[in-house]
Amino acid sequence: MWELLARIGSILRADIENKINLRIVTDLKDVFYGLKTADELIEMLHEKRYLPEMNYEGWYVGIPVPNEETAFAVQSVNVLYTALSNGNTELASDVADVIQALPEKRFLSDKVSVDAFNSIYIGTVNNKWKEKILPDLMVIRK
């Protein structure tokens, strides 16, 4: 699921003004809340031929969002949903940039990597919008 979140960020960022983005984010929210499966979301992307140059086959979604990162994942998707619903593509683009740059799950246990991501990506967005839009990633203790 962590990998899917990062890939969705890339999809959204590639064409942030595309009207289907709101549906993608709505379906992603539904996945987080257990109303849809990740496979249903991927199938929708494939059926709609959204960004046909992307190969949706073989996307592995079995890795769940780490418990420590649930707040970040849910908050970022909620911000995306609200921004796209309100037509704020600038904010949606900023959040999609953060999501597409998510570190691989194995780097979430490295404090230096997590701190760098928080400073470079999350801090930049929060500073730009002058509010804490996104929570910091947490270091996952092994």
N, C-alpha and C. Protein backbone atom coordinates (compact mmCIF):
# COMPACT_ATOMS: atom_id res chain seq x y z
N MET A 1 0.81 -1.19 0.00
CA MET A 1 0.00 0.00 0.00
C MET A 1 0.86 1.26 0.00
N TRP A 2 1.99 1.21 0.69
CA TRP A 2 2.92 2.35 0.74
C TRP A 2 3.41 2.66 -0.66
N GLU A 3 3.76 1.63 -1.42
CA GLU A 3 4.22 1.81 -2.80
C GLU A 3 3.10 2.38 -3.66
N LEU A 4 1.89 1.91 -3.48
CA LEU A 4 0.75 2.41 -4.25
C LEU A 4 0.54 3.90 -3.97
N LEU A 5 0.66 4.32 -2.73
CA LEU A 5 0.50 5.73 -2.39
C LEU A 5 1.51 6.58 -3.16
N ALA A 6 2.77 6.16 -3.18
CA ALA A 6 3.80 6.91 -3.92
C ALA A 6 3.50 6.93 -5.42
N ARG A 7 3.04 5.82 -5.96
CA ARG A 7 2.72 5.79 -7.39
C ARG A 7 1.53 6.67 -7.73
N ILE A 8 0.54 6.71 -6.85
CA ILE A 8 -0.61 7.59 -7.07
C ILE A 8 -0.14 9.05 -7.08
N GLY A 9 0.80 9.39 -6.21
CA GLY A 9 1.37 10.75 -6.23
C GLY A 9 1.96 11.08 -7.58
N SER A 10 2.68 10.13 -8.17
CA SER A 10 3.27 10.34 -9.49
C SER A 10 2.20 10.52 -10.56
N ILE A 11 1.16 9.71 -10.48
CA ILE A 11 0.07 9.79 -11.45
C ILE A 11 -0.61 11.16 -11.37
N LEU A 12 -0.93 11.59 -10.17
CA LEU A 12 -1.60 12.87 -9.99
C LEU A 12 -0.73 14.03 -10.46
N ARG A 13 0.52 13.97 -10.09
CA ARG A 13 1.45 15.06 -10.41
C ARG A 13 1.68 15.18 -11.91
N ALA A 14 1.60 14.08 -12.63
CA ALA A 14 1.85 14.10 -14.08
C ALA A 14 0.83 14.95 -14.83
N ASP A 15 -0.38 15.04 -14.29
CA ASP A 15 -1.45 15.80 -14.96
C ASP A 15 -2.42 16.28 -13.90
N ILE A 16 -1.98 17.20 -13.04
CA ILE A 16 -2.72 17.58 -11.84
C ILE A 16 -4.09 18.17 -12.15
N GLU A 17 -4.29 18.74 -13.31
CA GLU A 17 -5.57 19.37 -13.62
C GLU A 17 -6.57 18.42 -14.26
N ASN A 18 -6.19 17.16 -14.46
CA ASN A 18 -7.09 16.19 -15.06
C ASN A 18 -8.27 15.95 -14.12
N LYS A 19 -9.47 16.00 -14.67
CA LYS A 19 -10.69 15.86 -13.86
C LYS A 19 -10.81 14.49 -13.20
N ILE A 20 -10.14 13.47 -13.73
CA ILE A 20 -10.24 12.13 -13.14
C ILE A 20 -9.47 12.04 -11.82
N ASN A 21 -8.61 13.02 -11.54
CA ASN A 21 -7.82 12.97 -10.31
C ASN A 21 -8.70 12.92 -9.06
N LEU A 22 -9.81 13.64 -9.08
CA LEU A 22 -10.70 13.61 -7.92
C LEU A 22 -11.25 12.20 -7.71
N ARG A 23 -11.56 11.52 -8.78
CA ARG A 23 -12.04 10.13 -8.66
C ARG A 23 -10.94 9.23 -8.13
N ILE A 24 -9.72 9.43 -8.60
CA ILE A 24 -8.60 8.62 -8.13
C ILE A 24 -8.41 8.80 -6.63
N VAL A 25 -8.42 10.04 -6.18
CA VAL A 25 -8.23 10.32 -4.75
C VAL A 25 -9.41 9.82 -3.93
N THR A 26 -10.62 9.95 -4.47
CA THR A 26 -11.80 9.41 -3.78
C THR A 26 -11.67 7.90 -3.61
N ASP A 27 -11.27 7.22 -4.67
CA ASP A 27 -11.08 5.77 -4.59
C ASP A 27 -9.94 5.41 -3.63
N LEU A 28 -8.88 6.23 -3.61
CA LEU A 28 -7.77 5.99 -2.69
C LEU A 28 -8.25 6.15 -1.24
N LYS A 29 -9.06 7.17 -0.99
CA LYS A 29 -9.64 7.33 0.36
C LYS A 29 -10.47 6.10 0.72
N ASP A 30 -11.26 5.62 -0.23
CA ASP A 30 -12.07 4.43 0.01
C ASP A 30 -11.21 3.22 0.34
N VAL A 31 -10.04 3.12 -0.28
CA VAL A 31 -9.12 2.02 0.03
C VAL A 31 -8.65 2.14 1.48
N PHE A 32 -8.27 3.34 1.89
CA PHE A 32 -7.80 3.54 3.27
C PHE A 32 -8.88 3.24 4.29
N TYR A 33 -10.13 3.54 3.95
CA TYR A 33 -11.23 3.31 4.89
C TYR A 33 -11.89 1.95 4.70
N GLY A 34 -11.30 1.10 3.87
CA GLY A 34 -11.79 -0.26 3.72
C GLY A 34 -13.04 -0.42 2.87
N LEU A 35 -13.41 0.61 2.12
CA LEU A 35 -14.61 0.54 1.29
C LEU A 35 -14.32 -0.04 -0.09
N LYS A 36 -13.06 -0.03 -0.50
CA LYS A 36 -12.62 -0.61 -1.77
C LYS A 36 -11.28 -1.28 -1.53
N THR A 37 -10.91 -2.15 -2.45
CA THR A 37 -9.58 -2.75 -2.36
C THR A 37 -8.62 -1.98 -3.26
N ALA A 38 -7.35 -2.11 -2.97
CA ALA A 38 -6.34 -1.48 -3.81
C ALA A 38 -6.42 -2.02 -5.23
N ASP A 39 -6.75 -3.31 -5.36
CA ASP A 39 -6.89 -3.89 -6.70
C ASP A 39 -8.00 -3.23 -7.49
N GLU A 40 -9.09 -2.85 -6.82
CA GLU A 40 -10.19 -2.15 -7.50
C GLU A 40 -9.73 -0.77 -7.99
N LEU A 41 -8.92 -0.11 -7.20
CA LEU A 41 -8.38 1.19 -7.61
C LEU A 41 -7.48 1.03 -8.83
N ILE A 42 -6.62 0.06 -8.80
CA ILE A 42 -5.72 -0.17 -9.92
C ILE A 42 -6.51 -0.55 -11.16
N GLU A 43 -7.53 -1.36 -10.99
CA GLU A 43 -8.37 -1.76 -12.13
C GLU A 43 -9.07 -0.54 -12.74
N MET A 44 -9.54 0.38 -11.91
CA MET A 44 -10.17 1.60 -12.42
C MET A 44 -9.18 2.40 -13.24
N LEU A 45 -7.95 2.53 -12.77
CA LEU A 45 -6.93 3.26 -13.51
C LEU A 45 -6.67 2.59 -14.86
N HIS A 46 -6.61 1.28 -14.83
CA HIS A 46 -6.35 0.52 -16.05
C HIS A 46 -7.52 0.65 -17.03
N GLU A 47 -8.74 0.52 -16.54
CA GLU A 47 -9.93 0.60 -17.40
C GLU A 47 -10.08 1.98 -18.03
N LYS A 48 -9.79 3.01 -17.27
CA LYS A 48 -9.93 4.37 -17.77
C LYS A 48 -8.78 4.75 -18.70
N ARG A 49 -7.82 3.87 -18.81
CA ARG A 49 -6.65 4.13 -19.64
C ARG A 49 -5.98 5.45 -19.25
N TYR A 50 -6.01 5.69 -17.94
CA TYR A 50 -5.39 6.90 -17.43
C TYR A 50 -3.89 6.78 -17.55
N LEU A 51 -3.27 7.73 -18.17
CA LEU A 51 -1.85 7.69 -18.46
C LEU A 51 -1.47 6.33 -19.06
N PRO A 52 -1.92 6.09 -20.29
CA PRO A 52 -1.72 4.76 -20.89
C PRO A 52 -0.26 4.33 -20.99
N GLU A 53 0.66 5.29 -20.92
CA GLU A 53 2.08 4.90 -20.98
C GLU A 53 2.54 4.21 -19.70
N MET A 54 1.73 4.28 -18.64
CA MET A 54 2.10 3.59 -17.40
C MET A 54 1.63 2.14 -17.45
N ASN A 55 2.45 1.28 -16.94
CA ASN A 55 2.09 -0.12 -16.87
C ASN A 55 1.59 -0.42 -15.46
N TYR A 56 0.29 -0.67 -15.34
CA TYR A 56 -0.31 -0.93 -14.04
C TYR A 56 -0.23 -2.40 -13.65
N GLU A 57 0.23 -3.22 -14.58
CA GLU A 57 0.33 -4.66 -14.31
C GLU A 57 1.43 -4.89 -13.27
N GLY A 58 1.17 -5.80 -12.38
CA GLY A 58 2.19 -6.21 -11.42
C GLY A 58 2.43 -5.23 -10.28
N TRP A 59 1.58 -4.21 -10.14
CA TRP A 59 1.74 -3.32 -9.00
C TRP A 59 1.51 -4.13 -7.75
N TYR A 60 2.48 -4.14 -6.88
CA TYR A 60 2.35 -4.89 -5.64
C TYR A 60 1.83 -3.95 -4.57
N VAL A 61 0.67 -4.27 -4.03
CA VAL A 61 0.07 -3.40 -3.03
C VAL A 61 -0.05 -4.08 -1.68
N GLY A 62 0.56 -5.23 -1.53
CA GLY A 62 0.39 -5.99 -0.31
C GLY A 62 1.10 -5.42 0.90
N ILE A 63 2.04 -4.49 0.69
CA ILE A 63 2.75 -3.91 1.83
C ILE A 63 1.87 -2.82 2.42
N PRO A 64 1.38 -3.02 3.64
CA PRO A 64 0.48 -2.02 4.21
C PRO A 64 1.23 -0.74 4.56
N VAL A 65 0.48 0.32 4.75
CA VAL A 65 1.06 1.55 5.26
C VAL A 65 1.50 1.26 6.68
N PRO A 66 2.76 1.55 7.01
CA PRO A 66 3.21 1.28 8.38
C PRO A 66 2.34 2.04 9.39
N ASN A 67 2.07 1.40 10.52
CA ASN A 67 1.20 2.02 11.52
C ASN A 67 1.67 3.42 11.90
N GLU A 68 2.98 3.60 11.99
CA GLU A 68 3.52 4.90 12.36
C GLU A 68 3.23 5.96 11.31
N GLU A 69 2.95 5.53 10.09
CA GLU A 69 2.74 6.47 9.00
C GLU A 69 1.29 6.61 8.58
N THR A 70 0.39 5.97 9.30
CA THR A 70 -1.02 6.06 8.94
C THR A 70 -1.50 7.50 8.97
N ALA A 71 -1.09 8.27 9.96
CA ALA A 71 -1.51 9.68 10.05
C ALA A 71 -1.08 10.46 8.81
N PHE A 72 0.15 10.26 8.39
CA PHE A 72 0.62 10.96 7.19
C PHE A 72 -0.19 10.55 5.97
N ALA A 73 -0.38 9.25 5.78
CA ALA A 73 -1.08 8.75 4.59
C ALA A 73 -2.51 9.28 4.54
N VAL A 74 -3.23 9.15 5.63
CA VAL A 74 -4.63 9.58 5.66
C VAL A 74 -4.71 11.11 5.50
N GLN A 75 -3.88 11.84 6.22
CA GLN A 75 -3.91 13.31 6.12
C GLN A 75 -3.57 13.78 4.71
N SER A 76 -2.57 13.20 4.09
CA SER A 76 -2.19 13.65 2.75
C SER A 76 -3.31 13.37 1.74
N VAL A 77 -3.96 12.22 1.85
CA VAL A 77 -5.06 11.90 0.95
C VAL A 77 -6.25 12.82 1.21
N ASN A 78 -6.53 13.12 2.47
CA ASN A 78 -7.62 14.04 2.79
C ASN A 78 -7.34 15.44 2.25
N VAL A 79 -6.10 15.90 2.37
CA VAL A 79 -5.73 17.21 1.83
C VAL A 79 -5.87 17.22 0.32
N LEU A 80 -5.41 16.15 -0.32
CA LEU A 80 -5.57 16.06 -1.78
C LEU A 80 -7.03 16.12 -2.18
N TYR A 81 -7.87 15.38 -1.49
CA TYR A 81 -9.29 15.34 -1.80
C TYR A 81 -9.90 16.74 -1.68
N THR A 82 -9.63 17.40 -0.57
CA THR A 82 -10.19 18.74 -0.34
C THR A 82 -9.66 19.73 -1.38
N ALA A 83 -8.36 19.69 -1.65
CA ALA A 83 -7.77 20.62 -2.62
C ALA A 83 -8.38 20.41 -4.00
N LEU A 84 -8.48 19.16 -4.44
CA LEU A 84 -9.05 18.89 -5.77
C LEU A 84 -10.54 19.24 -5.81
N SER A 85 -11.26 18.97 -4.73
CA SER A 85 -12.69 19.31 -4.67
C SER A 85 -12.91 20.81 -4.80
N ASN A 86 -11.98 21.58 -4.23
CA ASN A 86 -12.09 23.04 -4.25
C ASN A 86 -11.39 23.68 -5.45
N GLY A 87 -10.82 22.85 -6.32
CA GLY A 87 -10.13 23.38 -7.50
C GLY A 87 -8.77 23.98 -7.20
N ASN A 88 -8.21 23.68 -6.03
CA ASN A 88 -6.90 24.22 -5.65
C ASN A 88 -5.81 23.27 -6.17
N THR A 89 -5.52 23.36 -7.46
CA THR A 89 -4.54 22.45 -8.05
C THR A 89 -3.12 22.76 -7.60
N GLU A 90 -2.86 23.98 -7.15
CA GLU A 90 -1.52 24.30 -6.67
C GLU A 90 -1.21 23.51 -5.40
N LEU A 91 -2.14 23.51 -4.45
CA LEU A 91 -1.95 22.74 -3.22
C LEU A 91 -1.92 21.24 -3.55
N ALA A 92 -2.83 20.79 -4.40
CA ALA A 92 -2.85 19.37 -4.77
C ALA A 92 -1.53 18.96 -5.40
N SER A 93 -0.98 19.82 -6.24
CA SER A 93 0.31 19.53 -6.87
C SER A 93 1.43 19.43 -5.84
N ASP A 94 1.43 20.35 -4.87
CA ASP A 94 2.45 20.32 -3.82
C ASP A 94 2.38 19.03 -3.01
N VAL A 95 1.17 18.63 -2.64
CA VAL A 95 1.00 17.40 -1.85
C VAL A 95 1.36 16.17 -2.68
N ALA A 96 0.96 16.16 -3.96
CA ALA A 96 1.32 15.05 -4.84
C ALA A 96 2.83 14.94 -4.99
N ASP A 97 3.54 16.08 -5.02
CA ASP A 97 5.00 16.07 -5.07
C ASP A 97 5.58 15.35 -3.86
N VAL A 98 5.04 15.66 -2.69
CA VAL A 98 5.51 15.02 -1.45
C VAL A 98 5.25 13.52 -1.51
N ILE A 99 4.04 13.15 -1.92
CA ILE A 99 3.67 11.74 -1.94
C ILE A 99 4.51 10.95 -2.94
N GLN A 100 4.77 11.52 -4.11
CA GLN A 100 5.54 10.78 -5.11
C GLN A 100 7.00 10.60 -4.68
N ALA A 101 7.46 11.43 -3.76
CA ALA A 101 8.84 11.34 -3.29
C ALA A 101 8.98 10.49 -2.02
N LEU A 102 7.90 9.85 -1.58
CA LEU A 102 7.97 9.06 -0.35
C LEU A 102 9.13 8.08 -0.38
N PRO A 103 9.87 8.01 0.71
CA PRO A 103 10.96 7.04 0.75
C PRO A 103 10.41 5.61 0.80
N GLU A 104 11.21 4.70 0.31
CA GLU A 104 10.81 3.30 0.41
C GLU A 104 10.65 2.94 1.88
N LYS A 105 9.78 1.98 2.13
CA LYS A 105 9.46 1.60 3.50
C LYS A 105 10.72 1.26 4.30
N ARG A 106 11.71 0.63 3.66
CA ARG A 106 12.92 0.22 4.38
C ARG A 106 13.72 1.42 4.91
N PHE A 107 13.52 2.61 4.30
CA PHE A 107 14.24 3.80 4.77
C PHE A 107 13.53 4.51 5.92
N LEU A 108 12.33 4.06 6.26
CA LEU A 108 11.59 4.71 7.33
C LEU A 108 12.18 4.41 8.71
N SER A 109 13.09 3.45 8.79
CA SER A 109 13.74 3.17 10.07
C SER A 109 15.07 3.93 10.21
N ASP A 110 15.44 4.69 9.19
CA ASP A 110 16.69 5.46 9.21
C ASP A 110 16.37 6.92 9.56
N LYS A 111 16.77 7.34 10.74
CA LYS A 111 16.44 8.68 11.23
C LYS A 111 16.95 9.77 10.30
N VAL A 112 18.13 9.62 9.74
CA VAL A 112 18.69 10.64 8.85
C VAL A 112 17.82 10.79 7.60
N SER A 113 17.40 9.66 7.02
CA SER A 113 16.55 9.70 5.83
C SER A 113 15.20 10.34 6.13
N VAL A 114 14.59 9.95 7.24
CA VAL A 114 13.28 10.48 7.61
C VAL A 114 13.37 11.98 7.90
N ASP A 115 14.40 12.39 8.65
CA ASP A 115 14.57 13.81 8.95
C ASP A 115 14.79 14.63 7.68
N ALA A 116 15.57 14.09 6.75
CA ALA A 116 15.82 14.79 5.48
C ALA A 116 14.51 14.93 4.69
N PHE A 117 13.72 13.86 4.63
CA PHE A 117 12.45 13.91 3.91
C PHE A 117 11.52 14.95 4.56
N ASN A 118 11.44 14.92 5.88
CA ASN A 118 10.58 15.87 6.59
C ASN A 118 10.99 17.31 6.30
N SER A 119 12.29 17.56 6.30
CA SER A 119 12.79 18.91 6.08
C SER A 119 12.61 19.35 4.63
N ILE A 120 13.01 18.51 3.71
CA ILE A 120 13.01 18.89 2.29
C ILE A 120 11.60 18.92 1.71
N TYR A 121 10.81 17.92 1.97
CA TYR A 121 9.50 17.82 1.33
C TYR A 121 8.37 18.37 2.19
N ILE A 122 8.18 17.78 3.35
CA ILE A 122 7.05 18.18 4.19
C ILE A 122 7.23 19.60 4.72
N GLY A 123 8.42 19.90 5.19
CA GLY A 123 8.68 21.24 5.71
C GLY A 123 8.49 22.32 4.66
N THR A 124 8.92 22.04 3.45
CA THR A 124 8.76 23.02 2.37
C THR A 124 7.29 23.32 2.09
N VAL A 125 6.47 22.27 2.02
CA VAL A 125 5.04 22.47 1.78
C VAL A 125 4.39 23.21 2.94
N ASN A 126 4.67 22.77 4.15
CA ASN A 126 4.08 23.43 5.32
C ASN A 126 4.50 24.90 5.42
N ASN A 127 5.77 25.19 5.11
CA ASN A 127 6.24 26.58 5.13
C ASN A 127 5.58 27.40 4.03
N LYS A 128 5.47 26.84 2.85
CA LYS A 128 4.86 27.56 1.73
C LYS A 128 3.43 27.97 2.04
N TRP A 129 2.68 27.06 2.63
CA TRP A 129 1.26 27.32 2.91
C TRP A 129 1.05 27.92 4.29
N LYS A 130 2.15 28.12 5.04
CA LYS A 130 2.12 28.77 6.35
C LYS A 130 1.18 28.09 7.34
N GLU A 131 1.10 26.77 7.23
CA GLU A 131 0.35 25.98 8.21
C GLU A 131 0.83 24.54 8.12
N LYS A 132 0.53 23.77 9.15
CA LYS A 132 0.96 22.37 9.18
C LYS A 132 -0.06 21.54 8.41
N ILE A 133 0.12 21.53 7.10
CA ILE A 133 -0.78 20.80 6.21
C ILE A 133 -0.54 19.30 6.32
N LEU A 134 0.73 18.93 6.36
CA LEU A 134 1.09 17.51 6.42
C LEU A 134 1.88 17.22 7.69
N PRO A 135 1.59 16.10 8.35
CA PRO A 135 2.39 15.72 9.52
C PRO A 135 3.73 15.14 9.08
N ASP A 136 4.72 15.25 9.93
CA ASP A 136 6.03 14.66 9.64
C ASP A 136 5.94 13.14 9.63
N LEU A 137 6.80 12.53 8.83
CA LEU A 137 6.97 11.09 8.90
C LEU A 137 7.67 10.77 10.22
N MET A 138 7.39 9.59 10.74
CA MET A 138 8.01 9.16 11.99
C MET A 138 9.02 8.05 11.67
N VAL A 139 10.04 7.97 12.51
CA VAL A 139 11.00 6.89 12.37
C VAL A 139 10.34 5.61 12.90
N ILE A 140 10.41 4.57 12.11
CA ILE A 140 9.85 3.28 12.53
C ILE A 140 10.92 2.52 13.29
N ARG A 141 10.60 2.20 14.50
CA ARG A 141 11.54 1.43 15.34
C ARG A 141 11.43 -0.03 14.97
N LYS A 142 12.56 -0.65 14.77
CA LYS A 142 12.57 -2.07 14.40
C LYS A 142 12.37 -2.93 15.61
